[in-house]
Amino acid sequence: MVNVSTLVYVLENLEGKDEKLINLDDLLEQEEAYVKKVFSKLDQSVLQVTPALVDKILKTASTF
C-alpha cells in the first residue's frame, strides 16, 4: 500500500509517456469525493477534542 500523494506523484510523472496508463483527473475526482464523504461523516458526529490535540495534529501536518 502507498500513500495517495506518492501514487499521484508517480502518475504525474507517467503522464507524459506515450501510453496513458491511468486517467489522473478521474483518480483525483474520486479522491476528492471520498475525502468529502469522510469530512461529512466527521461533521455529523459529535466529536470533541482538546485544543492540545489540534495543536499536535497541526504541528505534525506542517512537517510533511
N, C-alpha and C. Protein backbone atom coordinates (compact mmCIF):
# COMPACT_ATOMS: atom_id res chain seq x y z
N MET A 1 0.86 -1.17 0.00
CA MET A 1 0.00 0.00 0.00
C MET A 1 0.91 1.24 0.00
N VAL A 2 0.50 2.27 -0.74
CA VAL A 2 1.27 3.52 -0.79
C VAL A 2 0.37 4.68 -0.42
N ASN A 3 1.00 5.77 -0.03
CA ASN A 3 0.23 6.98 0.24
C ASN A 3 -0.35 7.51 -1.06
N VAL A 4 -1.47 8.18 -0.96
CA VAL A 4 -2.10 8.76 -2.14
C VAL A 4 -1.16 9.77 -2.79
N SER A 5 -0.45 10.54 -1.98
CA SER A 5 0.46 11.55 -2.53
C SER A 5 1.57 10.89 -3.36
N THR A 6 2.05 9.74 -2.91
CA THR A 6 3.08 9.01 -3.65
C THR A 6 2.52 8.50 -4.98
N LEU A 7 1.31 7.96 -4.93
CA LEU A 7 0.67 7.48 -6.14
C LEU A 7 0.46 8.60 -7.15
N VAL A 8 -0.03 9.74 -6.68
CA VAL A 8 -0.26 10.89 -7.56
C VAL A 8 1.06 11.36 -8.17
N TYR A 9 2.13 11.39 -7.38
CA TYR A 9 3.44 11.79 -7.88
C TYR A 9 3.90 10.87 -9.01
N VAL A 10 3.78 9.57 -8.79
CA VAL A 10 4.19 8.60 -9.81
C VAL A 10 3.34 8.76 -11.06
N LEU A 11 2.04 8.90 -10.88
CA LEU A 11 1.16 9.02 -12.03
C LEU A 11 1.41 10.30 -12.81
N GLU A 12 1.73 11.38 -12.10
CA GLU A 12 2.03 12.63 -12.79
C GLU A 12 3.29 12.48 -13.65
N ASN A 13 4.27 11.73 -13.17
CA ASN A 13 5.49 11.51 -13.93
C ASN A 13 5.26 10.59 -15.13
N LEU A 14 4.28 9.72 -15.03
CA LEU A 14 3.95 8.83 -16.14
C LEU A 14 3.07 9.51 -17.18
N GLU A 15 2.49 10.65 -16.82
CA GLU A 15 1.51 11.30 -17.67
C GLU A 15 2.10 11.71 -19.03
N GLY A 16 3.37 12.03 -19.09
CA GLY A 16 3.99 12.46 -20.33
C GLY A 16 4.36 11.31 -21.25
N LYS A 17 4.20 10.09 -20.81
CA LYS A 17 4.56 8.93 -21.63
C LYS A 17 3.57 8.79 -22.79
N ASP A 18 3.98 8.02 -23.79
CA ASP A 18 3.14 7.82 -24.98
C ASP A 18 1.80 7.15 -24.65
N GLU A 19 1.85 6.15 -23.82
CA GLU A 19 0.62 5.44 -23.45
C GLU A 19 0.10 5.98 -22.14
N LYS A 20 -1.16 6.25 -22.10
CA LYS A 20 -1.76 6.74 -20.87
C LYS A 20 -2.20 5.53 -20.05
N LEU A 21 -1.58 5.33 -18.90
CA LEU A 21 -1.87 4.17 -18.09
C LEU A 21 -3.13 4.34 -17.24
N ILE A 22 -3.35 5.56 -16.80
CA ILE A 22 -4.50 5.84 -15.94
C ILE A 22 -4.87 7.30 -16.10
N ASN A 23 -6.14 7.60 -15.99
CA ASN A 23 -6.59 8.97 -16.09
C ASN A 23 -6.45 9.62 -14.71
N LEU A 24 -5.46 10.47 -14.55
CA LEU A 24 -5.16 11.10 -13.27
C LEU A 24 -6.31 12.00 -12.81
N ASP A 25 -6.98 12.66 -13.74
CA ASP A 25 -8.10 13.52 -13.36
C ASP A 25 -9.21 12.72 -12.70
N ASP A 26 -9.51 11.54 -13.25
CA ASP A 26 -10.53 10.68 -12.65
C ASP A 26 -10.13 10.24 -11.25
N LEU A 27 -8.87 9.89 -11.09
CA LEU A 27 -8.37 9.47 -9.78
C LEU A 27 -8.51 10.59 -8.76
N LEU A 28 -8.14 11.80 -9.15
CA LEU A 28 -8.23 12.94 -8.23
C LEU A 28 -9.68 13.27 -7.89
N GLU A 29 -10.58 13.12 -8.86
CA GLU A 29 -12.01 13.34 -8.58
C GLU A 29 -12.53 12.32 -7.59
N GLN A 30 -12.13 11.06 -7.75
CA GLN A 30 -12.55 10.01 -6.82
C GLN A 30 -12.01 10.28 -5.43
N GLU A 31 -10.75 10.71 -5.35
CA GLU A 31 -10.15 11.02 -4.06
C GLU A 31 -10.91 12.17 -3.39
N GLU A 32 -11.22 13.20 -4.15
CA GLU A 32 -11.94 14.35 -3.59
C GLU A 32 -13.32 13.94 -3.09
N ALA A 33 -14.02 13.10 -3.84
CA ALA A 33 -15.34 12.63 -3.42
C ALA A 33 -15.23 11.82 -2.12
N TYR A 34 -14.20 10.98 -2.02
CA TYR A 34 -14.01 10.17 -0.82
C TYR A 34 -13.71 11.06 0.38
N VAL A 35 -12.83 12.02 0.19
CA VAL A 35 -12.47 12.92 1.30
C VAL A 35 -13.69 13.72 1.75
N LYS A 36 -14.52 14.17 0.81
CA LYS A 36 -15.73 14.90 1.17
C LYS A 36 -16.66 14.03 2.01
N LYS A 37 -16.78 12.75 1.65
CA LYS A 37 -17.63 11.84 2.43
C LYS A 37 -17.08 11.68 3.85
N VAL A 38 -15.77 11.54 3.96
CA VAL A 38 -15.15 11.36 5.28
C VAL A 38 -15.39 12.60 6.13
N PHE A 39 -15.15 13.78 5.57
CA PHE A 39 -15.34 15.00 6.34
C PHE A 39 -16.82 15.22 6.68
N SER A 40 -17.70 14.82 5.79
CA SER A 40 -19.13 14.94 6.06
C SER A 40 -19.52 14.08 7.26
N LYS A 41 -19.00 12.86 7.30
CA LYS A 41 -19.30 11.98 8.43
C LYS A 41 -18.71 12.54 9.73
N LEU A 42 -17.53 13.11 9.64
CA LEU A 42 -16.92 13.72 10.84
C LEU A 42 -17.74 14.92 11.30
N ASP A 43 -18.22 15.71 10.35
CA ASP A 43 -19.03 16.87 10.71
C ASP A 43 -20.34 16.47 11.38
N GLN A 44 -20.89 15.33 10.98
CA GLN A 44 -22.16 14.87 11.55
C GLN A 44 -21.98 14.24 12.93
N SER A 45 -20.79 13.78 13.23
CA SER A 45 -20.55 13.17 14.53
C SER A 45 -20.39 14.25 15.58
N VAL A 46 -20.47 13.84 16.80
CA VAL A 46 -20.36 14.79 17.90
C VAL A 46 -19.04 14.53 18.63
N LEU A 47 -17.96 14.73 17.90
CA LEU A 47 -16.64 14.53 18.47
C LEU A 47 -16.15 15.83 19.09
N GLN A 48 -15.54 15.70 20.23
CA GLN A 48 -14.91 16.85 20.86
C GLN A 48 -13.47 16.50 21.17
N VAL A 49 -12.58 17.40 20.84
CA VAL A 49 -11.17 17.17 21.11
C VAL A 49 -10.61 18.38 21.84
N THR A 50 -9.53 18.13 22.54
CA THR A 50 -8.90 19.22 23.28
C THR A 50 -8.08 20.08 22.31
N PRO A 51 -7.92 21.34 22.61
CA PRO A 51 -7.09 22.20 21.77
C PRO A 51 -5.65 21.70 21.65
N ALA A 52 -5.15 21.04 22.69
CA ALA A 52 -3.79 20.50 22.64
C ALA A 52 -3.66 19.44 21.54
N LEU A 53 -4.69 18.62 21.35
CA LEU A 53 -4.66 17.61 20.30
C LEU A 53 -4.67 18.27 18.93
N VAL A 54 -5.46 19.30 18.76
CA VAL A 54 -5.50 20.04 17.50
C VAL A 54 -4.13 20.64 17.20
N ASP A 55 -3.49 21.20 18.21
CA ASP A 55 -2.14 21.76 18.03
C ASP A 55 -1.14 20.69 17.59
N LYS A 56 -1.22 19.50 18.21
CA LYS A 56 -0.31 18.42 17.83
C LYS A 56 -0.54 18.00 16.38
N ILE A 57 -1.80 17.89 15.99
CA ILE A 57 -2.12 17.49 14.62
C ILE A 57 -1.60 18.53 13.64
N LEU A 58 -1.81 19.80 13.93
CA LEU A 58 -1.33 20.85 13.03
C LEU A 58 0.19 20.89 12.94
N LYS A 59 0.86 20.68 14.07
CA LYS A 59 2.33 20.65 14.05
C LYS A 59 2.85 19.47 13.24
N THR A 60 2.21 18.31 13.41
CA THR A 60 2.62 17.13 12.67
C THR A 60 2.37 17.32 11.17
N ALA A 61 1.22 17.85 10.82
CA ALA A 61 0.87 18.06 9.42
C ALA A 61 1.80 19.07 8.75
N SER A 62 2.26 20.04 9.50
CA SER A 62 3.12 21.06 8.92
C SER A 62 4.54 20.55 8.64
N THR A 63 4.89 19.37 9.20
CA THR A 63 6.22 18.84 8.97
C THR A 63 6.29 17.97 7.72
N PHE A 64 5.15 17.70 7.10
CA PHE A 64 5.15 16.85 5.88
C PHE A 64 5.55 17.63 4.69
